[in-house]
Amino acid sequence: MTTSSSIAPGRALAATRPRRGLLQRGDRRATSARSHEARTASWMVGPAGLLLTVFLLVPVGLAFALAFTNARLISPRPARFVGLDNFVTLSQDPVFWASLRNTLVFALVVVPLQAGLALVLALLVNAKVRGTNFFRTVYFVPVVTSMVVVSLLWRFLYQEDGLLNQLISKVSFGHYTPIDWLNDPSTALGAIIVMSIWQAVGFHMLIWLSGLQTIPAELYEAGALDGATGWKRFRHITWPSLVATRTFILITITIAALSLFTQISVMTQGGPLDSTTTVVFMAVRTGYQQLATGYASAISLVFFVLVLVVAAIQRYLTREKV
């Protein structure tokens, strides 16, 4: 009888060679498959990466570089490095401070009002009553309408002989003096705030609604057994369950508010007396109308830092507390 210990070393080595060869071929096939997957992934990511590089990374890099030059959009003279001159000029520019004030006022008013109104609408359409689909559609219609079209329509509404003044005059039985809402420095920004909230509230209502519909019904049933109804139910069950949703809404509304541009460009062009000029509108006007590309890049860089600070504060306030 032949045992394994009795097999000669040469015969054992010869017996393991085919198995080792199979393992090596398997490794080569796995390596080849991984290489093929990597090449396929590179081809699929390549177009998106190229677009991001050309339309995002390169412009951002150019904006950083041009902020320290006196570059102009159309000029026979080449751009020259001027250090911090653009930022010194910006700190002494009253239009910039007016733009910054208008941007912050717009954000401070729009963020809480729009988020709160959207939450109220979401709670209403989340109720199990007839006609909720109709109201969801009605609230969402302004969102799918172009902001340019909405701005043009509201500009007509806000005219001195527009529909809004006519309606208020009818309700007050002629005791109301019509106001030219967009040409009065004391009312222009407020008029744009109202229109902006109306246009975007439907979008955030849907986000609130999606968050409401992820709350388990068992929580409400347990709360009902404990006697939680109305405000107590909202405070102790609904609101704590919407942590992720309200963080997302807070960030998206803040970004949209700080980047206010379209409404200003269509309705007021920054007027009257710069009462509606925002930082983004000032940067675009400086770069394309006044052709001061370097100065506009400095404005954009300051705006970038502003958004970064606001995002950091929001991240700190909305962090998960252990």
C-alpha atoms as a PDB file:
ATOM      1  CA  MET A   1       0.000   0.000   0.000  1.00  0.00           C
ATOM      2  CA  THR A   2       1.282   3.408  -0.976  1.00  0.00           C
ATOM      3  CA  THR A   3       0.893   6.387   1.472  1.00  0.00           C
ATOM      4  CA  SER A   4       1.400  10.082   0.910  1.00  0.00           C
ATOM      5  CA  SER A   5       4.593  10.009   2.916  1.00  0.00           C
ATOM      6  CA  SER A   6       5.982   7.456   0.579  1.00  0.00           C
ATOM      7  CA  ILE A   7       5.516   9.599  -2.603  1.00  0.00           C
ATOM      8  CA  ALA A   8       8.783  10.843  -3.966  1.00  0.00           C
ATOM      9  CA  PRO A   9       9.403  14.651  -3.818  1.00  0.00           C
ATOM     10  CA  GLY A  10       9.706  14.873  -7.590  1.00  0.00           C
ATOM     11  CA  ARG A  11       6.326  13.195  -8.149  1.00  0.00           C
ATOM     12  CA  ALA A  12       4.626  15.477  -5.547  1.00  0.00           C
ATOM     13  CA  LEU A  13       6.051  18.586  -7.240  1.00  0.00           C
ATOM     14  CA  ALA A  14       4.817  17.349 -10.582  1.00  0.00           C
ATOM     15  CA  ALA A  15       1.332  16.773  -9.114  1.00  0.00           C
ATOM     16  CA  THR A  16       1.068  20.357  -7.713  1.00  0.00           C
ATOM     17  CA  ARG A  17       2.165  22.101 -10.931  1.00  0.00           C
ATOM     18  CA  PRO A  18      -1.226  21.791 -12.743  1.00  0.00           C
ATOM     19  CA  ARG A  19      -3.060  23.109  -9.661  1.00  0.00           C
ATOM     20  CA  ARG A  20      -0.692  26.063  -9.354  1.00  0.00           C
ATOM     21  CA  GLY A  21      -1.105  26.737 -13.047  1.00  0.00           C
ATOM     22  CA  LEU A  22      -4.878  26.833 -12.661  1.00  0.00           C
ATOM     23  CA  LEU A  23      -4.561  29.296  -9.775  1.00  0.00           C
ATOM     24  CA  GLN A  24      -2.262  31.544 -11.773  1.00  0.00           C
ATOM     25  CA  ARG A  25      -4.630  31.532 -14.735  1.00  0.00           C
ATOM     26  CA  GLY A  26      -7.508  32.377 -12.368  1.00  0.00           C
ATOM     27  CA  ASP A  27      -5.533  35.311 -10.923  1.00  0.00           C
ATOM     28  CA  ARG A  28      -4.724  36.584 -14.379  1.00  0.00           C
ATOM     29  CA  ARG A  29      -8.395  36.416 -15.380  1.00  0.00           C
ATOM     30  CA  ALA A  30      -9.448  38.275 -12.210  1.00  0.00           C
ATOM     31  CA  THR A  31      -6.784  40.933 -12.800  1.00  0.00           C
ATOM     32  CA  SER A  32      -7.867  41.282 -16.417  1.00  0.00           C
ATOM     33  CA  ALA A  33     -11.530  41.618 -15.372  1.00  0.00           C
ATOM     34  CA  ARG A  34     -10.647  44.303 -12.832  1.00  0.00           C
ATOM     35  CA  SER A  35      -8.618  46.178 -15.449  1.00  0.00           C
ATOM     36  CA  HIS A  36     -11.527  45.990 -17.885  1.00  0.00           C
ATOM     37  CA  GLU A  37     -13.927  47.317 -15.245  1.00  0.00           C
ATOM     38  CA  ALA A  38     -11.517  50.147 -14.421  1.00  0.00           C
ATOM     39  CA  ARG A  39     -11.247  51.107 -18.103  1.00  0.00           C
ATOM     40  CA  THR A  40     -15.035  50.992 -18.492  1.00  0.00           C
ATOM     41  CA  ALA A  41     -15.498  53.143 -15.401  1.00  0.00           C
ATOM     42  CA  SER A  42     -12.928  55.630 -16.707  1.00  0.00           C
ATOM     43  CA  TRP A  43     -14.748  55.932 -20.042  1.00  0.00           C
ATOM     44  CA  MET A  44     -18.071  56.466 -18.253  1.00  0.00           C
ATOM     45  CA  VAL A  45     -16.717  59.031 -15.775  1.00  0.00           C
ATOM     46  CA  GLY A  46     -14.521  60.760 -18.354  1.00  0.00           C
ATOM     47  CA  PRO A  47     -17.173  62.984 -20.029  1.00  0.00           C
ATOM     48  CA  ALA A  48     -18.575  64.167 -16.696  1.00  0.00           C
ATOM     49  CA  GLY A  49     -15.080  64.804 -15.356  1.00  0.00           C
ATOM     50  CA  LEU A  50     -14.151  66.743 -18.507  1.00  0.00           C
ATOM     51  CA  LEU A  51     -17.280  68.915 -18.263  1.00  0.00           C
ATOM     52  CA  LEU A  52     -16.666  69.588 -14.561  1.00  0.00           C
ATOM     53  CA  THR A  53     -13.082  70.564 -15.294  1.00  0.00           C
ATOM     54  CA  VAL A  54     -13.922  72.866 -18.207  1.00  0.00           C
ATOM     55  CA  PHE A  55     -17.032  74.543 -16.791  1.00  0.00           C
ATOM     56  CA  LEU A  56     -16.329  74.478 -13.027  1.00  0.00           C
ATOM     57  CA  LEU A  57     -12.718  73.991 -11.986  1.00  0.00           C
ATOM     58  CA  VAL A  58     -11.154  76.168 -14.719  1.00  0.00           C
ATOM     59  CA  PRO A  59     -13.567  79.126 -14.173  1.00  0.00           C
ATOM     60  CA  VAL A  60     -13.105  78.927 -10.403  1.00  0.00           C
ATOM     61  CA  GLY A  61      -9.332  78.874 -10.796  1.00  0.00           C
ATOM     62  CA  LEU A  62      -9.461  81.804 -13.233  1.00  0.00           C
ATOM     63  CA  ALA A  63     -11.680  83.785 -10.855  1.00  0.00           C
ATOM     64  CA  PHE A  64      -9.160  83.308  -8.045  1.00  0.00           C
ATOM     65  CA  ALA A  65      -6.294  84.364 -10.298  1.00  0.00           C
ATOM     66  CA  LEU A  66      -8.052  87.352 -11.923  1.00  0.00           C
ATOM     67  CA  ALA A  67      -9.127  88.745  -8.529  1.00  0.00           C
ATOM     68  CA  PHE A  68      -5.537  89.917  -8.020  1.00  0.00           C
ATOM     69  CA  THR A  69      -5.169  91.580 -11.426  1.00  0.00           C
ATOM     70  CA  ASN A  70      -6.560  94.630 -13.234  1.00  0.00           C
ATOM     71  CA  ALA A  71      -7.891  92.475 -16.099  1.00  0.00           C
ATOM     72  CA  ARG A  72     -10.652  93.906 -18.278  1.00  0.00           C
ATOM     73  CA  LEU A  73     -12.975  91.928 -20.531  1.00  0.00           C
ATOM     74  CA  ILE A  74     -11.980  93.888 -23.669  1.00  0.00           C
ATOM     75  CA  SER A  75      -8.668  95.702 -23.456  1.00  0.00           C
ATOM     76  CA  PRO A  76      -5.567  95.932 -25.680  1.00  0.00           C
ATOM     77  CA  ARG A  77      -3.366  95.952 -22.577  1.00  0.00           C
ATOM     78  CA  PRO A  78      -2.498  92.656 -20.886  1.00  0.00           C
ATOM     79  CA  ALA A  79      -3.679  92.033 -17.314  1.00  0.00           C
ATOM     80  CA  ARG A  80      -1.259  93.168 -14.599  1.00  0.00           C
ATOM     81  CA  PHE A  81      -0.888  91.837 -11.056  1.00  0.00           C
ATOM     82  CA  VAL A  82      -2.166  94.460  -8.574  1.00  0.00           C
ATOM     83  CA  GLY A  83      -2.091  92.496  -5.320  1.00  0.00           C
ATOM     84  CA  LEU A  84      -4.933  93.373  -2.940  1.00  0.00           C
ATOM     85  CA  ASP A  85      -5.927  96.639  -4.692  1.00  0.00           C
ATOM     86  CA  ASN A  86      -9.276  95.208  -5.845  1.00  0.00           C
ATOM     87  CA  PHE A  87     -10.170  94.158  -2.306  1.00  0.00           C
ATOM     88  CA  VAL A  88      -9.157  97.567  -0.875  1.00  0.00           C
ATOM     89  CA  THR A  89     -11.330  99.290  -3.465  1.00  0.00           C
ATOM     90  CA  LEU A  90     -14.164  96.878  -2.700  1.00  0.00           C
ATOM     91  CA  SER A  91     -14.020  97.635   1.036  1.00  0.00           C
ATOM     92  CA  GLN A  92     -14.517 101.356   0.217  1.00  0.00           C
ATOM     93  CA  ASP A  93     -17.286 100.805  -2.354  1.00  0.00           C
ATOM     94  CA  PRO A  94     -20.710 101.871  -0.973  1.00  0.00           C
ATOM     95  CA  VAL A  95     -22.505  99.866  -3.680  1.00  0.00           C
ATOM     96  CA  PHE A  96     -20.845  96.691  -2.427  1.00  0.00           C
ATOM     97  CA  TRP A  97     -21.974  97.303   1.160  1.00  0.00           C
ATOM     98  CA  ALA A  98     -25.498  98.072  -0.068  1.00  0.00           C
ATOM     99  CA  SER A  99     -25.435  94.849  -2.098  1.00  0.00           C
ATOM    100  CA  LEU A 100     -24.205  92.852   0.881  1.00  0.00           C
ATOM    101  CA  ARG A 101     -26.895  94.340   3.111  1.00  0.00           C
ATOM    102  CA  ASN A 102     -29.646  93.585   0.582  1.00  0.00           C
ATOM    103  CA  THR A 103     -28.398  90.013   0.152  1.00  0.00           C
ATOM    104  CA  LEU A 104     -28.338  89.356   3.901  1.00  0.00           C
ATOM    105  CA  VAL A 105     -31.769  90.957   4.441  1.00  0.00           C
ATOM    106  CA  PHE A 106     -33.208  88.865   1.623  1.00  0.00           C
ATOM    107  CA  ALA A 107     -31.732  85.660   3.085  1.00  0.00           C
ATOM    108  CA  LEU A 108     -32.739  86.426   6.685  1.00  0.00           C
ATOM    109  CA  VAL A 109     -36.358  87.042   5.645  1.00  0.00           C
ATOM    110  CA  VAL A 110     -36.787  84.408   2.952  1.00  0.00           C
ATOM    111  CA  VAL A 111     -35.187  81.414   4.697  1.00  0.00           C
ATOM    112  CA  PRO A 112     -37.479  81.218   7.770  1.00  0.00           C
ATOM    113  CA  LEU A 113     -40.640  82.435   6.003  1.00  0.00           C
ATOM    114  CA  GLN A 114     -40.326  80.155   2.996  1.00  0.00           C
ATOM    115  CA  ALA A 115     -39.378  77.110   5.069  1.00  0.00           C
ATOM    116  CA  GLY A 116     -42.192  77.734   7.582  1.00  0.00           C
ATOM    117  CA  LEU A 117     -44.856  78.349   4.943  1.00  0.00           C
ATOM    118  CA  ALA A 118     -43.747  75.267   3.020  1.00  0.00           C
ATOM    119  CA  LEU A 119     -44.023  73.170   6.189  1.00  0.00           C
ATOM    120  CA  VAL A 120     -47.557  74.440   6.863  1.00  0.00           C
ATOM    121  CA  LEU A 121     -48.604  73.603   3.292  1.00  0.00           C
ATOM    122  CA  ALA A 122     -47.000  70.150   3.561  1.00  0.00           C
ATOM    123  CA  LEU A 123     -48.903  69.441   6.780  1.00  0.00           C
ATOM    124  CA  LEU A 124     -52.145  70.512   5.097  1.00  0.00           C
ATOM    125  CA  VAL A 125     -51.713  68.396   1.963  1.00  0.00           C
ATOM    126  CA  ASN A 126     -50.479  65.466   4.059  1.00  0.00           C
ATOM    127  CA  ALA A 127     -53.864  65.280   5.772  1.00  0.00           C
ATOM    128  CA  LYS A 128     -56.047  62.439   4.548  1.00  0.00           C
ATOM    129  CA  VAL A 129     -58.817  64.544   3.021  1.00  0.00           C
ATOM    130  CA  ARG A 130     -60.265  64.899  -0.460  1.00  0.00           C
ATOM    131  CA  GLY A 131     -58.592  67.153  -2.999  1.00  0.00           C
ATOM    132  CA  THR A 132     -55.028  66.957  -1.697  1.00  0.00           C
ATOM    133  CA  ASN A 133     -53.656  66.051  -5.137  1.00  0.00           C
ATOM    134  CA  PHE A 134     -55.282  69.172  -6.594  1.00  0.00           C
ATOM    135  CA  PHE A 135     -53.686  71.420  -3.979  1.00  0.00           C
ATOM    136  CA  ARG A 136     -50.296  69.742  -4.413  1.00  0.00           C
ATOM    137  CA  THR A 137     -50.473  70.525  -8.135  1.00  0.00           C
ATOM    138  CA  VAL A 138     -51.587  74.111  -7.550  1.00  0.00           C
ATOM    139  CA  TYR A 139     -48.793  74.787  -5.064  1.00  0.00           C
ATOM    140  CA  PHE A 140     -46.189  73.245  -7.378  1.00  0.00           C
ATOM    141  CA  VAL A 141     -47.180  75.038 -10.599  1.00  0.00           C
ATOM    142  CA  PRO A 142     -45.004  78.163  -9.944  1.00  0.00           C
ATOM    143  CA  VAL A 143     -41.949  75.925  -9.481  1.00  0.00           C
ATOM    144  CA  VAL A 144     -42.160  74.474 -12.992  1.00  0.00           C
ATOM    145  CA  THR A 145     -42.636  77.929 -14.492  1.00  0.00           C
ATOM    146  CA  SER A 146     -39.529  79.772 -15.629  1.00  0.00           C
ATOM    147  CA  MET A 147     -38.313  82.379 -13.144  1.00  0.00           C
ATOM    148  CA  VAL A 148     -37.957  84.852 -16.020  1.00  0.00           C
ATOM    149  CA  VAL A 149     -41.622  84.397 -16.960  1.00  0.00           C
ATOM    150  CA  VAL A 150     -42.717  84.655 -13.321  1.00  0.00           C
ATOM    151  CA  SER A 151     -40.655  87.819 -12.855  1.00  0.00           C
ATOM    152  CA  LEU A 152     -42.175  89.434 -15.965  1.00  0.00           C
ATOM    153  CA  LEU A 153     -45.718  88.625 -14.792  1.00  0.00           C
ATOM    154  CA  TRP A 154     -45.109  89.995 -11.294  1.00  0.00           C
ATOM    155  CA  ARG A 155     -43.513  93.123 -12.738  1.00  0.00           C
ATOM    156  CA  PHE A 156     -46.829  93.869 -14.431  1.00  0.00           C
ATOM    157  CA  LEU A 157     -48.706  93.060 -11.218  1.00  0.00           C
ATOM    158  CA  TYR A 158     -46.547  95.503  -9.253  1.00  0.00           C
ATOM    159  CA  GLN A 159     -47.013  98.453 -11.637  1.00  0.00           C
ATOM    160  CA  GLU A 160     -48.795 101.564 -10.379  1.00  0.00           C
ATOM    161  CA  ASP A 161     -51.847 100.677 -12.497  1.00  0.00           C
ATOM    162  CA  GLY A 162     -51.292  96.937 -12.074  1.00  0.00           C
ATOM    163  CA  LEU A 163     -53.604  94.260 -10.751  1.00  0.00           C
ATOM    164  CA  LEU A 164     -52.306  94.417  -7.163  1.00  0.00           C
ATOM    165  CA  ASN A 165     -52.989  98.139  -6.748  1.00  0.00           C
ATOM    166  CA  GLN A 166     -56.366  97.761  -8.447  1.00  0.00           C
ATOM    167  CA  LEU A 167     -57.327  94.957  -6.085  1.00  0.00           C
ATOM    168  CA  ILE A 168     -56.259  96.844  -2.940  1.00  0.00           C
ATOM    169  CA  SER A 169     -58.074  99.957  -4.190  1.00  0.00           C
ATOM    170  CA  LYS A 170     -61.292  97.955  -4.667  1.00  0.00           C
ATOM    171  CA  VAL A 171     -61.043  96.400  -1.222  1.00  0.00           C
ATOM    172  CA  SER A 172     -60.344  99.755   0.483  1.00  0.00           C
ATOM    173  CA  PHE A 173     -63.208 101.478  -1.423  1.00  0.00           C
ATOM    174  CA  GLY A 174     -60.880 104.033  -3.026  1.00  0.00           C
ATOM    175  CA  HIS A 175     -59.063 105.109   0.184  1.00  0.00           C
ATOM    176  CA  TYR A 176     -55.787 103.630  -1.046  1.00  0.00           C
ATOM    177  CA  THR A 177     -53.155 105.547  -2.969  1.00  0.00           C
ATOM    178  CA  PRO A 178     -51.502 103.262  -5.565  1.00  0.00           C
ATOM    179  CA  ILE A 179     -47.809 102.515  -5.036  1.00  0.00           C
ATOM    180  CA  ASP A 180     -45.250 101.880  -7.744  1.00  0.00           C
ATOM    181  CA  TRP A 181     -43.852  98.921  -5.817  1.00  0.00           C
ATOM    182  CA  LEU A 182     -40.716  98.278  -7.852  1.00  0.00           C
ATOM    183  CA  ASN A 183     -39.727 101.934  -8.329  1.00  0.00           C
ATOM    184  CA  ASP A 184     -39.953 102.886  -4.649  1.00  0.00           C
ATOM    185  CA  PRO A 185     -36.712 102.182  -2.692  1.00  0.00           C
ATOM    186  CA  SER A 186     -38.721 101.415   0.463  1.00  0.00           C
ATOM    187  CA  THR A 187     -40.887  98.696  -1.166  1.00  0.00           C
ATOM    188  CA  ALA A 188     -38.832  97.257  -4.042  1.00  0.00           C
ATOM    189  CA  LEU A 189     -36.889  94.641  -2.060  1.00  0.00           C
ATOM    190  CA  GLY A 190     -39.985  93.607  -0.092  1.00  0.00           C
ATOM    191  CA  ALA A 191     -41.916  93.118  -3.321  1.00  0.00           C
ATOM    192  CA  ILE A 192     -39.181  90.845  -4.674  1.00  0.00           C
ATOM    193  CA  ILE A 193     -39.108  88.895  -1.396  1.00  0.00           C
ATOM    194  CA  VAL A 194     -42.860  88.191  -1.605  1.00  0.00           C
ATOM    195  CA  MET A 195     -42.616  87.053  -5.220  1.00  0.00           C
ATOM    196  CA  SER A 196     -39.588  84.827  -4.508  1.00  0.00           C
ATOM    197  CA  ILE A 197     -41.300  83.095  -1.582  1.00  0.00           C
ATOM    198  CA  TRP A 198     -44.433  82.487  -3.656  1.00  0.00           C
ATOM    199  CA  GLN A 199     -42.442  81.023  -6.545  1.00  0.00           C
ATOM    200  CA  ALA A 200     -40.309  78.533  -4.588  1.00  0.00           C
ATOM    201  CA  VAL A 201     -42.539  77.516  -1.677  1.00  0.00           C
ATOM    202  CA  GLY A 202     -44.069  74.606  -3.638  1.00  0.00           C
ATOM    203  CA  PHE A 203     -40.700  72.945  -4.185  1.00  0.00           C
ATOM    204  CA  HIS A 204     -39.866  72.927  -0.480  1.00  0.00           C
ATOM    205  CA  MET A 205     -43.403  71.840   0.351  1.00  0.00           C
ATOM    206  CA  LEU A 206     -42.723  68.643  -1.603  1.00  0.00           C
ATOM    207  CA  ILE A 207     -39.479  68.043   0.312  1.00  0.00           C
ATOM    208  CA  TRP A 208     -41.259  68.532   3.645  1.00  0.00           C
ATOM    209  CA  LEU A 209     -44.009  66.224   2.417  1.00  0.00           C
ATOM    210  CA  SER A 210     -41.543  63.478   1.531  1.00  0.00           C
ATOM    211  CA  GLY A 211     -40.064  63.776   5.024  1.00  0.00           C
ATOM    212  CA  LEU A 212     -43.514  63.608   6.646  1.00  0.00           C
ATOM    213  CA  GLN A 213     -44.412  60.459   4.750  1.00  0.00           C
ATOM    214  CA  THR A 214     -41.301  58.634   6.027  1.00  0.00           C
ATOM    215  CA  ILE A 215     -42.383  58.954   9.667  1.00  0.00           C
ATOM    216  CA  PRO A 216     -43.661  55.523  10.845  1.00  0.00           C
ATOM    217  CA  ALA A 217     -47.358  55.419  11.688  1.00  0.00           C
ATOM    218  CA  GLU A 218     -46.508  53.406  14.814  1.00  0.00           C
ATOM    219  CA  LEU A 219     -45.021  56.535  16.380  1.00  0.00           C
ATOM    220  CA  TYR A 220     -48.303  58.399  15.992  1.00  0.00           C
ATOM    221  CA  GLU A 221     -50.260  55.400  17.309  1.00  0.00           C
ATOM    222  CA  ALA A 222     -48.009  55.202  20.372  1.00  0.00           C
ATOM    223  CA  GLY A 223     -48.364  58.949  20.873  1.00  0.00           C
ATOM    224  CA  ALA A 224     -52.151  58.699  20.626  1.00  0.00           C
ATOM    225  CA  LEU A 225     -52.132  56.049  23.362  1.00  0.00           C
ATOM    226  CA  ASP A 226     -50.153  58.464  25.546  1.00  0.00           C
ATOM    227  CA  GLY A 227     -52.644  61.232  24.829  1.00  0.00           C
ATOM    228  CA  ALA A 228     -50.438  63.261  22.434  1.00  0.00           C
ATOM    229  CA  THR A 229     -52.605  65.201  19.992  1.00  0.00           C
ATOM    230  CA  GLY A 230     -52.352  68.464  18.061  1.00  0.00           C
ATOM    231  CA  TRP A 231     -49.366  70.592  19.033  1.00  0.00           C
ATOM    232  CA  LYS A 232     -47.870  67.936  21.374  1.00  0.00           C
ATOM    233  CA  ARG A 233     -47.960  65.401  18.577  1.00  0.00           C
ATOM    234  CA  PHE A 234     -46.164  67.808  16.212  1.00  0.00           C
ATOM    235  CA  ARG A 235     -43.612  68.895  18.833  1.00  0.00           C
ATOM    236  CA  HIS A 236     -42.653  65.475  20.184  1.00  0.00           C
ATOM    237  CA  ILE A 237     -43.096  63.228  17.126  1.00  0.00           C
ATOM    238  CA  THR A 238     -43.223  65.120  13.830  1.00  0.00           C
ATOM    239  CA  TRP A 239     -40.578  67.799  14.371  1.00  0.00           C
ATOM    240  CA  PRO A 240     -37.854  65.495  15.833  1.00  0.00           C
ATOM    241  CA  SER A 241     -38.432  63.059  12.961  1.00  0.00           C
ATOM    242  CA  LEU A 242     -37.689  65.750  10.382  1.00  0.00           C
ATOM    243  CA  VAL A 243     -34.072  66.446  11.365  1.00  0.00           C
ATOM    244  CA  ALA A 244     -32.502  65.432   8.042  1.00  0.00           C
ATOM    245  CA  THR A 245     -35.272  67.081   6.017  1.00  0.00           C
ATOM    246  CA  ARG A 246     -35.050  70.457   7.728  1.00  0.00           C
ATOM    247  CA  THR A 247     -31.243  70.477   7.418  1.00  0.00           C
ATOM    248  CA  PHE A 248     -31.526  69.890   3.673  1.00  0.00           C
ATOM    249  CA  ILE A 249     -34.197  72.581   3.304  1.00  0.00           C
ATOM    250  CA  LEU A 250     -32.205  75.063   5.362  1.00  0.00           C
ATOM    251  CA  ILE A 251     -29.132  74.607   3.162  1.00  0.00           C
ATOM    252  CA  THR A 252     -30.960  74.721  -0.183  1.00  0.00           C
ATOM    253  CA  ILE A 253     -32.999  77.823   0.670  1.00  0.00           C
ATOM    254  CA  THR A 254     -29.951  79.638   2.014  1.00  0.00           C
ATOM    255  CA  ILE A 255     -27.906  78.920  -1.109  1.00  0.00           C
ATOM    256  CA  ALA A 256     -30.766  80.035  -3.357  1.00  0.00           C
ATOM    257  CA  ALA A 257     -31.295  83.202  -1.304  1.00  0.00           C
ATOM    258  CA  LEU A 258     -27.641  84.203  -1.307  1.00  0.00           C
ATOM    259  CA  SER A 259     -27.369  83.679  -5.070  1.00  0.00           C
ATOM    260  CA  LEU A 260     -30.340  85.927  -5.888  1.00  0.00           C
ATOM    261  CA  PHE A 261     -29.958  87.234  -9.447  1.00  0.00           C
ATOM    262  CA  THR A 262     -32.708  86.459 -11.971  1.00  0.00           C
ATOM    263  CA  GLN A 263     -35.504  88.377 -10.248  1.00  0.00           C
ATOM    264  CA  ILE A 264     -33.255  91.419  -9.834  1.00  0.00           C
ATOM    265  CA  SER A 265     -32.068  91.321 -13.440  1.00  0.00           C
ATOM    266  CA  VAL A 266     -35.587  91.078 -14.877  1.00  0.00           C
ATOM    267  CA  MET A 267     -37.593  93.264 -12.479  1.00  0.00           C
ATOM    268  CA  THR A 268     -35.411  96.127 -11.202  1.00  0.00           C
ATOM    269  CA  GLN A 269     -31.867  95.950 -12.610  1.00  0.00           C
ATOM    270  CA  GLY A 270     -30.644  96.637  -9.093  1.00  0.00           C
ATOM    271  CA  GLY A 271     -32.629  99.856  -8.690  1.00  0.00           C
ATOM    272  CA  PRO A 272     -34.019 102.121  -7.563  1.00  0.00           C
ATOM    273  CA  LEU A 273     -30.899 103.672  -5.991  1.00  0.00           C
ATOM    274  CA  ASP A 274     -29.296 100.230  -5.547  1.00  0.00           C
ATOM    275  CA  SER A 275     -32.037  99.249  -3.096  1.00  0.00           C
ATOM    276  CA  THR A 276     -32.283  95.782  -4.714  1.00  0.00           C
ATOM    277  CA  THR A 277     -28.703  95.241  -5.866  1.00  0.00           C
ATOM    278  CA  THR A 278     -27.275  91.946  -4.596  1.00  0.00           C
ATOM    279  CA  VAL A 279     -23.697  90.679  -4.492  1.00  0.00           C
ATOM    280  CA  VAL A 280     -24.157  88.287  -7.405  1.00  0.00           C
ATOM    281  CA  PHE A 281     -25.942  90.902  -9.516  1.00  0.00           C
ATOM    282  CA  MET A 282     -23.171  93.422  -8.765  1.00  0.00           C
ATOM    283  CA  ALA A 283     -20.496  90.910  -9.795  1.00  0.00           C
ATOM    284  CA  VAL A 284     -22.234  90.165 -13.112  1.00  0.00           C
ATOM    285  CA  ARG A 285     -22.906  93.846 -13.841  1.00  0.00           C
ATOM    286  CA  THR A 286     -19.309  94.791 -13.042  1.00  0.00           C
ATOM    287  CA  GLY A 287     -17.869  92.010 -15.175  1.00  0.00           C
ATOM    288  CA  TYR A 288     -20.087  92.189 -18.267  1.00  0.00           C
ATOM    289  CA  GLN A 289     -21.438  95.750 -18.392  1.00  0.00           C
ATOM    290  CA  GLN A 290     -18.505  97.649 -16.912  1.00  0.00           C
ATOM    291  CA  LEU A 291     -15.983  95.115 -18.363  1.00  0.00           C
ATOM    292  CA  ALA A 292     -13.935  95.144 -15.105  1.00  0.00           C
ATOM    293  CA  THR A 293     -13.208  91.425 -14.972  1.00  0.00           C
ATOM    294  CA  GLY A 294     -10.586  91.633 -12.235  1.00  0.00           C
ATOM    295  CA  TYR A 295     -12.823  93.659  -9.921  1.00  0.00           C
ATOM    296  CA  ALA A 296     -15.782  91.347 -10.606  1.00  0.00           C
ATOM    297  CA  SER A 297     -13.591  88.348  -9.746  1.00  0.00           C
ATOM    298  CA  ALA A 298     -12.707  89.997  -6.424  1.00  0.00           C
ATOM    299  CA  ILE A 299     -16.439  90.394  -5.687  1.00  0.00           C
ATOM    300  CA  SER A 300     -17.004  86.732  -6.539  1.00  0.00           C
ATOM    301  CA  LEU A 301     -14.147  85.672  -4.275  1.00  0.00           C
ATOM    302  CA  VAL A 302     -15.590  87.634  -1.351  1.00  0.00           C
ATOM    303  CA  PHE A 303     -18.993  86.102  -2.066  1.00  0.00           C
ATOM    304  CA  PHE A 304     -17.420  82.630  -2.038  1.00  0.00           C
ATOM    305  CA  VAL A 305     -15.936  83.300   1.410  1.00  0.00           C
ATOM    306  CA  LEU A 306     -19.312  84.608   2.613  1.00  0.00           C
ATOM    307  CA  VAL A 307     -21.111  81.444   1.492  1.00  0.00           C
ATOM    308  CA  LEU A 308     -18.377  79.325   3.059  1.00  0.00           C
ATOM    309  CA  VAL A 309     -18.804  81.076   6.426  1.00  0.00           C
ATOM    310  CA  VAL A 310     -22.595  80.751   6.321  1.00  0.00           C
ATOM    311  CA  ALA A 311     -22.333  77.046   5.411  1.00  0.00           C
ATOM    312  CA  ALA A 312     -19.894  76.449   8.277  1.00  0.00           C
ATOM    313  CA  ILE A 313     -22.246  78.160  10.744  1.00  0.00           C
ATOM    314  CA  GLN A 314     -25.189  76.109   9.486  1.00  0.00           C
ATOM    315  CA  ARG A 315     -23.148  72.921   9.714  1.00  0.00           C
ATOM    316  CA  TYR A 316     -22.256  73.742  13.312  1.00  0.00           C
ATOM    317  CA  LEU A 317     -25.830  74.582  14.301  1.00  0.00           C
ATOM    318  CA  THR A 318     -27.334  71.507  12.632  1.00  0.00           C
ATOM    319  CA  ARG A 319     -24.703  68.997  13.786  1.00  0.00           C
ATOM    320  CA  GLU A 320     -25.847  65.867  15.560  1.00  0.00           C
ATOM    321  CA  LYS A 321     -25.384  66.380  19.287  1.00  0.00           C
ATOM    322  CA  VAL A 322     -24.171  63.269  21.104  1.00  0.00           C
END
